[in-house]
Amino acid sequence: MDWLIWIGAALTLLGVAGLVWCIVLAMRAKRAGLPDAEMRAALQRVVVLNMAALAVSGLGLMCVVFGVFVA
């Protein structure tokens, strides 16, 4: 079950990279000085990406824990 641990670790790192990317996108939107409606639209897209990245990271952590228990 070592492969499950490595796949889980890769998914977790991918999710964390996605979370960092969400931070970058939110900072860009803030610095752009957009009007309120455009800022809301930009941040709504960031929230969707943030939730997806969090889900991928959580799935990866579940794979790691399951792989450790089974190994």
Protein backbone atom coordinates (compact mmCIF):
# COMPACT_ATOMS: atom_id res chain seq x y z
CA MET A 1 0.00 0.00 0.00
CA ASP A 2 2.97 2.29 -0.36
CA TRP A 3 1.59 3.47 -3.68
CA LEU A 4 -1.56 4.74 -1.95
CA ILE A 5 0.54 6.79 0.46
CA TRP A 6 2.52 8.34 -2.41
CA ILE A 7 -0.59 9.08 -4.46
CA GLY A 8 -2.17 10.65 -1.39
CA ALA A 9 0.92 12.76 -0.76
CA ALA A 10 0.89 13.95 -4.38
CA LEU A 11 -2.81 14.84 -4.16
CA THR A 12 -2.20 16.70 -0.91
CA LEU A 13 0.64 18.71 -2.44
CA LEU A 14 -1.52 19.45 -5.48
CA GLY A 15 -4.28 20.70 -3.20
CA VAL A 16 -1.90 22.88 -1.20
CA ALA A 17 -0.55 24.33 -4.45
CA GLY A 18 -4.14 25.10 -5.43
CA LEU A 19 -4.68 26.88 -2.12
CA VAL A 20 -1.57 28.99 -2.68
CA TRP A 21 -2.83 29.81 -6.18
CA CYS A 22 -6.14 30.96 -4.66
CA ILE A 23 -4.25 33.32 -2.38
CA VAL A 24 -2.38 34.74 -5.37
CA LEU A 25 -5.62 35.23 -7.32
CA ALA A 26 -7.32 36.95 -4.39
CA MET A 27 -4.35 39.29 -3.87
CA ARG A 28 -4.35 40.16 -7.59
CA ALA A 29 -8.05 40.96 -7.45
CA LYS A 30 -7.54 43.13 -4.39
CA ARG A 31 -4.64 45.04 -5.94
CA ALA A 32 -6.54 45.57 -9.20
CA GLY A 33 -8.88 47.99 -7.46
CA LEU A 34 -11.96 46.58 -9.15
CA PRO A 35 -15.44 47.98 -8.57
CA ASP A 36 -17.58 46.15 -6.01
CA ALA A 37 -19.54 43.99 -8.48
CA GLU A 38 -16.43 42.89 -10.36
CA MET A 39 -14.59 42.22 -7.10
CA ARG A 40 -17.43 39.99 -5.92
CA ALA A 41 -17.41 38.06 -9.20
CA ALA A 42 -13.64 37.58 -9.06
CA LEU A 43 -13.73 36.43 -5.45
CA GLN A 44 -16.62 34.05 -6.16
CA ARG A 45 -14.45 32.31 -8.75
CA VAL A 46 -11.61 32.16 -6.22
CA VAL A 47 -13.92 30.59 -3.63
CA VAL A 48 -14.91 27.85 -6.08
CA LEU A 49 -11.25 27.09 -6.79
CA ASN A 50 -10.48 27.26 -3.08
CA MET A 51 -13.13 24.65 -2.25
CA ALA A 52 -11.92 22.37 -5.04
CA ALA A 53 -8.32 22.65 -3.85
CA LEU A 54 -9.39 21.95 -0.28
CA ALA A 55 -11.32 18.88 -1.42
CA VAL A 56 -8.33 17.55 -3.37
CA SER A 57 -6.06 18.13 -0.39
CA GLY A 58 -8.50 16.41 1.96
CA LEU A 59 -8.85 13.45 -0.40
CA GLY A 60 -5.08 13.15 -0.51
CA LEU A 61 -4.82 13.18 3.27
CA MET A 62 -7.50 10.49 3.47
CA CYS A 63 -5.50 8.34 1.05
CA VAL A 64 -2.35 8.78 3.13
CA VAL A 65 -4.11 7.86 6.38
CA PHE A 66 -5.82 4.86 4.80
CA GLY A 67 -2.53 3.72 3.26
CA VAL A 68 -0.76 3.98 6.62
CA PHE A 69 -3.49 2.00 8.40
CA VAL A 70 -3.50 -0.74 5.76
CA ALA A 71 0.29 -0.98 5.47
